[in-house]
PDB file of N, CA and C in Angstrom:
ATOM      1  N   UNK A   1     145.189 234.854 -83.641  1.00  0.00           N
ATOM      2  CA  UNK A   1     144.178 234.644 -82.629  1.00  0.00           C
ATOM      3  C   UNK A   1     143.051 233.789 -83.213  1.00  0.00           C
ATOM      4  N   UNK A   2     142.550 232.875 -82.435  1.00  0.00           N
ATOM      5  CA  UNK A   2     141.546 231.934 -82.903  1.00  0.00           C
ATOM      6  C   UNK A   2     140.140 232.464 -82.629  1.00  0.00           C
ATOM      7  N   UNK A   3     139.207 232.081 -83.477  1.00  0.00           N
ATOM      8  CA  UNK A   3     137.804 232.428 -83.284  1.00  0.00           C
ATOM      9  C   UNK A   3     137.045 231.328 -82.549  1.00  0.00           C
ATOM     10  N   UNK A   4     137.756 230.339 -82.053  1.00  0.00           N
ATOM     11  CA  UNK A   4     137.135 229.220 -81.359  1.00  0.00           C
ATOM     12  C   UNK A   4     136.595 229.685 -80.011  1.00  0.00           C
ATOM     13  N   UNK A   5     135.362 229.322 -79.722  1.00  0.00           N
ATOM     14  CA  UNK A   5     134.775 229.704 -78.439  1.00  0.00           C
ATOM     15  C   UNK A   5     135.167 228.689 -77.377  1.00  0.00           C
ATOM     16  N   UNK A   6     134.979 229.086 -76.160  1.00  0.00           N
ATOM     17  CA  UNK A   6     135.324 228.201 -75.044  1.00  0.00           C
ATOM     18  C   UNK A   6     134.520 226.908 -75.128  1.00  0.00           C
ATOM     19  N   UNK A   7     133.253 226.998 -75.481  1.00  0.00           N
ATOM     20  CA  UNK A   7     132.422 225.791 -75.523  1.00  0.00           C
ATOM     21  C   UNK A   7     132.944 224.777 -76.544  1.00  0.00           C
ATOM     22  N   UNK A   8     133.588 225.249 -77.606  1.00  0.00           N
ATOM     23  CA  UNK A   8     134.150 224.338 -78.590  1.00  0.00           C
ATOM     24  C   UNK A   8     135.416 223.665 -78.079  1.00  0.00           C
ATOM     25  N   UNK A   9     136.029 224.239 -77.049  1.00  0.00           N
ATOM     26  CA  UNK A   9     137.274 223.703 -76.507  1.00  0.00           C
ATOM     27  C   UNK A   9     137.058 222.944 -75.196  1.00  0.00           C
ATOM     28  N   UNK A  10     135.820 222.712 -74.823  1.00  0.00           N
ATOM     29  CA  UNK A  10     135.537 222.055 -73.562  1.00  0.00           C
ATOM     30  C   UNK A  10     136.229 220.697 -73.508  1.00  0.00           C
ATOM     31  N   UNK A  11     136.962 220.482 -72.455  1.00  0.00           N
ATOM     32  CA  UNK A  11     137.661 219.220 -72.255  1.00  0.00           C
ATOM     33  C   UNK A  11     136.805 218.353 -71.333  1.00  0.00           C
ATOM     34  N   UNK A  12     136.557 217.138 -71.739  1.00  0.00           N
ATOM     35  CA  UNK A  12     135.750 216.221 -70.934  1.00  0.00           C
ATOM     36  C   UNK A  12     136.692 215.413 -70.056  1.00  0.00           C
ATOM     37  N   UNK A  13     136.517 215.556 -68.753  1.00  0.00           N
ATOM     38  CA  UNK A  13     137.297 214.799 -67.784  1.00  0.00           C
ATOM     39  C   UNK A  13     136.588 213.460 -67.576  1.00  0.00           C
ATOM     40  N   UNK A  14     137.256 212.335 -67.843  1.00  0.00           N
ATOM     41  CA  UNK A  14     136.580 211.038 -67.722  1.00  0.00           C
ATOM     42  C   UNK A  14     136.124 210.721 -66.301  1.00  0.00           C
ATOM     43  N   UNK A  15     136.840 211.203 -65.318  1.00  0.00           N
ATOM     44  CA  UNK A  15     136.432 210.950 -63.929  1.00  0.00           C
ATOM     45  C   UNK A  15     135.143 211.708 -63.625  1.00  0.00           C
ATOM     46  N   UNK A  16     135.089 212.983 -64.011  1.00  0.00           N
ATOM     47  CA  UNK A  16     133.869 213.763 -63.785  1.00  0.00           C
ATOM     48  C   UNK A  16     132.702 213.195 -64.582  1.00  0.00           C
ATOM     49  N   UNK A  17     132.969 212.743 -65.786  1.00  0.00           N
ATOM     50  CA  UNK A  17     131.907 212.144 -66.600  1.00  0.00           C
ATOM     51  C   UNK A  17     131.328 210.914 -65.904  1.00  0.00           C
ATOM     52  N   UNK A  18     132.190 210.093 -65.311  1.00  0.00           N
ATOM     53  CA  UNK A  18     131.736 208.897 -64.592  1.00  0.00           C
ATOM     54  C   UNK A  18     130.934 209.274 -63.352  1.00  0.00           C
ATOM     55  N   UNK A  19     131.396 210.253 -62.594  1.00  0.00           N
ATOM     56  CA  UNK A  19     130.679 210.708 -61.394  1.00  0.00           C
ATOM     57  C   UNK A  19     129.303 211.231 -61.781  1.00  0.00           C
ATOM     58  N   UNK A  20     129.254 212.025 -62.842  1.00  0.00           N
ATOM     59  CA  UNK A  20     127.968 212.581 -63.286  1.00  0.00           C
ATOM     60  C   UNK A  20     127.029 211.488 -63.789  1.00  0.00           C
ATOM     61  N   UNK A  21     127.574 210.476 -64.463  1.00  0.00           N
ATOM     62  CA  UNK A  21     126.745 209.364 -64.940  1.00  0.00           C
ATOM     63  C   UNK A  21     126.146 208.606 -63.760  1.00  0.00           C
ATOM     64  N   UNK A  22     126.967 208.326 -62.754  1.00  0.00           N
ATOM     65  CA  UNK A  22     126.489 207.607 -61.565  1.00  0.00           C
ATOM     66  C   UNK A  22     125.459 208.439 -60.817  1.00  0.00           C
ATOM     67  N   UNK A  23     125.724 209.745 -60.695  1.00  0.00           N
ATOM     68  CA  UNK A  23     124.772 210.645 -60.028  1.00  0.00           C
ATOM     69  C   UNK A  23     123.421 210.615 -60.741  1.00  0.00           C
ATOM     70  N   UNK A  24     123.455 210.633 -62.049  1.00  0.00           N
ATOM     71  CA  UNK A  24     122.228 210.585 -62.843  1.00  0.00           C
ATOM     72  C   UNK A  24     121.502 209.251 -62.631  1.00  0.00           C
ATOM     73  N   UNK A  25     122.240 208.148 -62.592  1.00  0.00           N
ATOM     74  CA  UNK A  25     121.625 206.833 -62.362  1.00  0.00           C
ATOM     75  C   UNK A  25     120.944 206.779 -61.000  1.00  0.00           C
ATOM     76  N   UNK A  26     121.630 207.263 -59.991  1.00  0.00           N
ATOM     77  CA  UNK A  26     121.055 207.253 -58.636  1.00  0.00           C
ATOM     78  C   UNK A  26     119.803 208.117 -58.578  1.00  0.00           C
ATOM     79  N   UNK A  27     119.864 209.289 -59.174  1.00  0.00           N
ATOM     80  CA  UNK A  27     118.702 210.179 -59.188  1.00  0.00           C
ATOM     81  C   UNK A  27     117.525 209.521 -59.905  1.00  0.00           C
ATOM     82  N   UNK A  28     117.792 208.897 -61.049  1.00  0.00           N
ATOM     83  CA  UNK A  28     116.721 208.243 -61.804  1.00  0.00           C
ATOM     84  C   UNK A  28     116.111 207.086 -61.023  1.00  0.00           C
ATOM     85  N   UNK A  29     116.958 206.329 -60.318  1.00  0.00           N
ATOM     86  CA  UNK A  29     116.457 205.201 -59.517  1.00  0.00           C
ATOM     87  C   UNK A  29     115.489 205.662 -58.433  1.00  0.00           C
ATOM     88  N   UNK A  30     115.620 206.913 -57.997  1.00  0.00           N
ATOM     89  CA  UNK A  30     114.785 207.433 -56.913  1.00  0.00           C
ATOM     90  C   UNK A  30     113.836 208.519 -57.404  1.00  0.00           C
ATOM     91  N   UNK A  31     113.497 208.456 -58.689  1.00  0.00           N
ATOM     92  CA  UNK A  31     112.527 209.376 -59.299  1.00  0.00           C
ATOM     93  C   UNK A  31     112.905 210.847 -59.106  1.00  0.00           C
ATOM     94  N   UNK A  32     114.196 211.118 -59.033  1.00  0.00           N
ATOM     95  CA  UNK A  32     114.710 212.487 -58.885  1.00  0.00           C
ATOM     96  C   UNK A  32     114.159 213.180 -57.634  1.00  0.00           C
ATOM     97  N   UNK A  33     113.783 212.385 -56.643  1.00  0.00           N
ATOM     98  CA  UNK A  33     113.230 212.897 -55.385  1.00  0.00           C
ATOM     99  C   UNK A  33     114.360 212.970 -54.365  1.00  0.00           C
ATOM    100  N   UNK A  34     114.703 214.183 -53.957  1.00  0.00           N
ATOM    101  CA  UNK A  34     115.828 214.379 -53.048  1.00  0.00           C
ATOM    102  C   UNK A  34     115.627 213.620 -51.731  1.00  0.00           C
ATOM    103  N   UNK A  35     114.420 213.627 -51.222  1.00  0.00           N
ATOM    104  CA  UNK A  35     114.159 212.924 -49.956  1.00  0.00           C
ATOM    105  C   UNK A  35     114.422 211.423 -50.105  1.00  0.00           C
ATOM    106  N   UNK A  36     114.037 210.849 -51.247  1.00  0.00           N
ATOM    107  CA  UNK A  36     114.282 209.420 -51.488  1.00  0.00           C
ATOM    108  C   UNK A  36     115.777 209.141 -51.645  1.00  0.00           C
ATOM    109  N   UNK A  37     116.485 210.040 -52.306  1.00  0.00           N
ATOM    110  CA  UNK A  37     117.929 209.872 -52.492  1.00  0.00           C
ATOM    111  C   UNK A  37     118.634 209.912 -51.141  1.00  0.00           C
ATOM    112  N   UNK A  38     118.262 210.860 -50.296  1.00  0.00           N
ATOM    113  CA  UNK A  38     118.875 210.976 -48.966  1.00  0.00           C
ATOM    114  C   UNK A  38     118.549 209.752 -48.115  1.00  0.00           C
ATOM    115  N   UNK A  39     117.311 209.295 -48.162  1.00  0.00           N
ATOM    116  CA  UNK A  39     116.927 208.109 -47.388  1.00  0.00           C
ATOM    117  C   UNK A  39     117.737 206.892 -47.830  1.00  0.00           C
ATOM    118  N   UNK A  40     117.941 206.750 -49.132  1.00  0.00           N
ATOM    119  CA  UNK A  40     118.728 205.622 -49.642  1.00  0.00           C
ATOM    120  C   UNK A  40     120.181 205.738 -49.195  1.00  0.00           C
ATOM    121  N   UNK A  41     120.724 206.946 -49.216  1.00  0.00           N
ATOM    122  CA  UNK A  41     122.103 207.152 -48.765  1.00  0.00           C
ATOM    123  C   UNK A  41     122.242 206.810 -47.288  1.00  0.00           C
ATOM    124  N   UNK A  42     121.270 207.194 -46.488  1.00  0.00           N
ATOM    125  CA  UNK A  42     121.317 206.887 -45.049  1.00  0.00           C
ATOM    126  C   UNK A  42     121.195 205.382 -44.803  1.00  0.00           C
ATOM    127  N   UNK A  43     120.363 204.708 -45.582  1.00  0.00           N
ATOM    128  CA  UNK A  43     120.254 203.242 -45.454  1.00  0.00           C
ATOM    129  C   UNK A  43     121.594 202.587 -45.798  1.00  0.00           C
ATOM    130  N   UNK A  44     122.221 203.077 -46.839  1.00  0.00           N
ATOM    131  CA  UNK A  44     123.518 202.531 -47.250  1.00  0.00           C
ATOM    132  C   UNK A  44     124.574 202.769 -46.170  1.00  0.00           C
ATOM    133  N   UNK A  45     124.569 203.959 -45.591  1.00  0.00           N
ATOM    134  CA  UNK A  45     125.521 204.259 -44.520  1.00  0.00           C
ATOM    135  C   UNK A  45     125.288 203.362 -43.314  1.00  0.00           C
ATOM    136  N   UNK A  46     124.030 203.132 -42.962  1.00  0.00           N
ATOM    137  CA  UNK A  46     123.709 202.281 -41.814  1.00  0.00           C
ATOM    138  C   UNK A  46     124.113 200.832 -42.088  1.00  0.00           C
ATOM    139  N   UNK A  47     123.973 200.400 -43.333  1.00  0.00           N
ATOM    140  CA  UNK A  47     124.318 199.030 -43.690  1.00  0.00           C
ATOM    141  C   UNK A  47     125.822 198.804 -43.753  1.00  0.00           C
ATOM    142  N   UNK A  48     126.572 199.861 -43.993  1.00  0.00           N
ATOM    143  CA  UNK A  48     128.029 199.750 -44.154  1.00  0.00           C
ATOM    144  C   UNK A  48     128.766 200.831 -43.361  1.00  0.00           C
ATOM    145  N   UNK A  49     128.682 200.805 -42.045  1.00  0.00           N
ATOM    146  CA  UNK A  49     129.337 201.854 -41.256  1.00  0.00           C
ATOM    147  C   UNK A  49     130.858 201.862 -41.412  1.00  0.00           C
ATOM    148  N   UNK A  50     131.438 200.748 -41.828  1.00  0.00           N
ATOM    149  CA  UNK A  50     132.889 200.683 -42.013  1.00  0.00           C
ATOM    150  C   UNK A  50     133.348 201.541 -43.194  1.00  0.00           C
ATOM    151  N   UNK A  51     132.436 201.940 -44.045  1.00  0.00           N
ATOM    152  CA  UNK A  51     132.777 202.773 -45.201  1.00  0.00           C
ATOM    153  C   UNK A  51     132.695 204.271 -44.894  1.00  0.00           C
ATOM    154  N   UNK A  52     132.207 204.620 -43.727  1.00  0.00           N
ATOM    155  CA  UNK A  52     132.033 206.018 -43.365  1.00  0.00           C
ATOM    156  C   UNK A  52     133.337 206.555 -42.795  1.00  0.00           C
ATOM    157  N   UNK A  53     133.761 207.678 -43.323  1.00  0.00           N
ATOM    158  CA  UNK A  53     134.988 208.315 -42.855  1.00  0.00           C
ATOM    159  C   UNK A  53     134.601 209.413 -41.885  1.00  0.00           C
ATOM    160  N   UNK A  54     135.208 209.398 -40.727  1.00  0.00           N
ATOM    161  CA  UNK A  54     134.979 210.476 -39.769  1.00  0.00           C
ATOM    162  C   UNK A  54     136.340 210.949 -39.281  1.00  0.00           C
ATOM    163  N   UNK A  55     136.361 212.128 -38.755  1.00  0.00           N
ATOM    164  CA  UNK A  55     137.627 212.659 -38.273  1.00  0.00           C
ATOM    165  C   UNK A  55     137.417 213.308 -36.921  1.00  0.00           C
ATOM    166  N   UNK A  56     138.470 213.359 -36.181  1.00  0.00           N
ATOM    167  CA  UNK A  56     138.461 214.068 -34.917  1.00  0.00           C
ATOM    168  C   UNK A  56     138.897 215.493 -35.229  1.00  0.00           C
ATOM    169  N   UNK A  57     138.087 216.476 -34.892  1.00  0.00           N
ATOM    170  CA  UNK A  57     138.489 217.856 -35.169  1.00  0.00           C
ATOM    171  C   UNK A  57     139.831 218.182 -34.510  1.00  0.00           C
ATOM    172  N   UNK A  58     140.618 218.983 -35.177  1.00  0.00           N
ATOM    173  CA  UNK A  58     141.927 219.370 -34.650  1.00  0.00           C
ATOM    174  C   UNK A  58     141.735 220.007 -33.275  1.00  0.00           C
ATOM    175  N   UNK A  59     142.465 219.541 -32.310  1.00  0.00           N
ATOM    176  CA  UNK A  59     142.384 220.077 -30.954  1.00  0.00           C
ATOM    177  C   UNK A  59     141.359 219.374 -30.087  1.00  0.00           C
ATOM    178  N   UNK A  60     140.520 218.532 -30.655  1.00  0.00           N
ATOM    179  CA  UNK A  60     139.464 217.878 -29.876  1.00  0.00           C
ATOM    180  C   UNK A  60     140.039 216.891 -28.872  1.00  0.00           C
ATOM    181  N   UNK A  61     141.191 216.296 -29.198  1.00  0.00           N
ATOM    182  CA  UNK A  61     141.747 215.304 -28.290  1.00  0.00           C
ATOM    183  C   UNK A  61     142.185 215.909 -26.959  1.00  0.00           C
ATOM    184  N   UNK A  62     142.450 217.225 -26.944  1.00  0.00           N
ATOM    185  CA  UNK A  62     142.828 217.856 -25.676  1.00  0.00           C
ATOM    186  C   UNK A  62     141.695 218.721 -25.121  1.00  0.00           C
ATOM    187  N   UNK A  63     140.516 218.624 -25.707  1.00  0.00           N
ATOM    188  CA  UNK A  63     139.358 219.352 -25.213  1.00  0.00           C
ATOM    189  C   UNK A  63     139.289 220.788 -25.691  1.00  0.00           C
ATOM    190  N   UNK A  64     140.127 221.197 -26.599  1.00  0.00           N
ATOM    191  CA  UNK A  64     140.123 222.573 -27.085  1.00  0.00           C
ATOM    192  C   UNK A  64     138.858 222.847 -27.887  1.00  0.00           C
ATOM    193  N   UNK A  65     138.366 224.066 -27.786  1.00  0.00           N
ATOM    194  CA  UNK A  65     137.172 224.467 -28.515  1.00  0.00           C
ATOM    195  C   UNK A  65     137.491 225.042 -29.885  1.00  0.00           C
ATOM    196  N   UNK A  66     138.690 225.544 -30.066  1.00  0.00           N
ATOM    197  CA  UNK A  66     139.048 226.237 -31.289  1.00  0.00           C
ATOM    198  C   UNK A  66     139.855 225.343 -32.222  1.00  0.00           C
ATOM    199  N   UNK A  67     139.688 225.531 -33.528  1.00  0.00           N
ATOM    200  CA  UNK A  67     140.550 224.806 -34.462  1.00  0.00           C
ATOM    201  C   UNK A  67     141.981 225.282 -34.306  1.00  0.00           C
ATOM    202  N   UNK A  68     142.928 224.450 -34.731  1.00  0.00           N
ATOM    203  CA  UNK A  68     144.350 224.773 -34.557  1.00  0.00           C
ATOM    204  C   UNK A  68     144.757 226.029 -35.297  1.00  0.00           C
ATOM    205  N   UNK A  69     144.074 226.372 -36.390  1.00  0.00           N
ATOM    206  CA  UNK A  69     144.471 227.563 -37.140  1.00  0.00           C
ATOM    207  C   UNK A  69     143.736 228.812 -36.688  1.00  0.00           C
ATOM    208  N   UNK A  70     142.970 228.731 -35.614  1.00  0.00           N
ATOM    209  CA  UNK A  70     142.273 229.914 -35.101  1.00  0.00           C
ATOM    210  C   UNK A  70     143.290 230.887 -34.509  1.00  0.00           C
ATOM    211  N   UNK A  71     143.033 232.185 -34.660  1.00  0.00           N
ATOM    212  CA  UNK A  71     143.961 233.168 -34.097  1.00  0.00           C
ATOM    213  C   UNK A  71     144.068 233.006 -32.579  1.00  0.00           C
ATOM    214  N   UNK A  72     145.252 233.124 -32.110  1.00  0.00           N
ATOM    215  CA  UNK A  72     145.504 233.028 -30.668  1.00  0.00           C
ATOM    216  C   UNK A  72     144.994 234.305 -30.023  1.00  0.00           C
ATOM    217  N   UNK A  73     144.141 234.177 -29.005  1.00  0.00           N
ATOM    218  CA  UNK A  73     143.567 235.350 -28.366  1.00  0.00           C
ATOM    219  C   UNK A  73     144.593 236.141 -27.562  1.00  0.00           C
ATOM    220  N   UNK A  74     145.736 235.497 -27.217  1.00  0.00           N
ATOM    221  CA  UNK A  74     146.769 236.159 -26.438  1.00  0.00           C
ATOM    222  C   UNK A  74     147.702 236.990 -27.306  1.00  0.00           C
ATOM    223  N   UNK A  75     147.827 236.603 -28.605  1.00  0.00           N
ATOM    224  CA  UNK A  75     148.741 237.327 -29.470  1.00  0.00           C
ATOM    225  C   UNK A  75     148.066 238.562 -30.020  1.00  0.00           C
ATOM    226  N   UNK A  76     148.875 239.592 -30.279  1.00  0.00           N
ATOM    227  CA  UNK A  76     148.356 240.825 -30.840  1.00  0.00           C
ATOM    228  C   UNK A  76     148.769 240.921 -32.282  1.00  0.00           C
ATOM    229  N   UNK A  77     147.871 241.403 -33.129  1.00  0.00           N
ATOM    230  CA  UNK A  77     148.173 241.531 -34.548  1.00  0.00           C
ATOM    231  C   UNK A  77     148.995 242.749 -34.840  1.00  0.00           C
TER     232      UNK A  77
END
């Protein structure tokens, strides 16, 4: 059995490291002010609406109010 602690075995994921680096850059650019970060994100979204992903909720195309995985009110458990 090894005496190595979990912190000594931490694996650095390069993708997460890149995301965290970019997040830090964005925060620093906006003085770590959440309101400024959100405003910048909204400006970016408005400038590039083609980059925004939206989805139609399951069942919305037929006017249903419930998601497809909602329990059927007619069936008994």
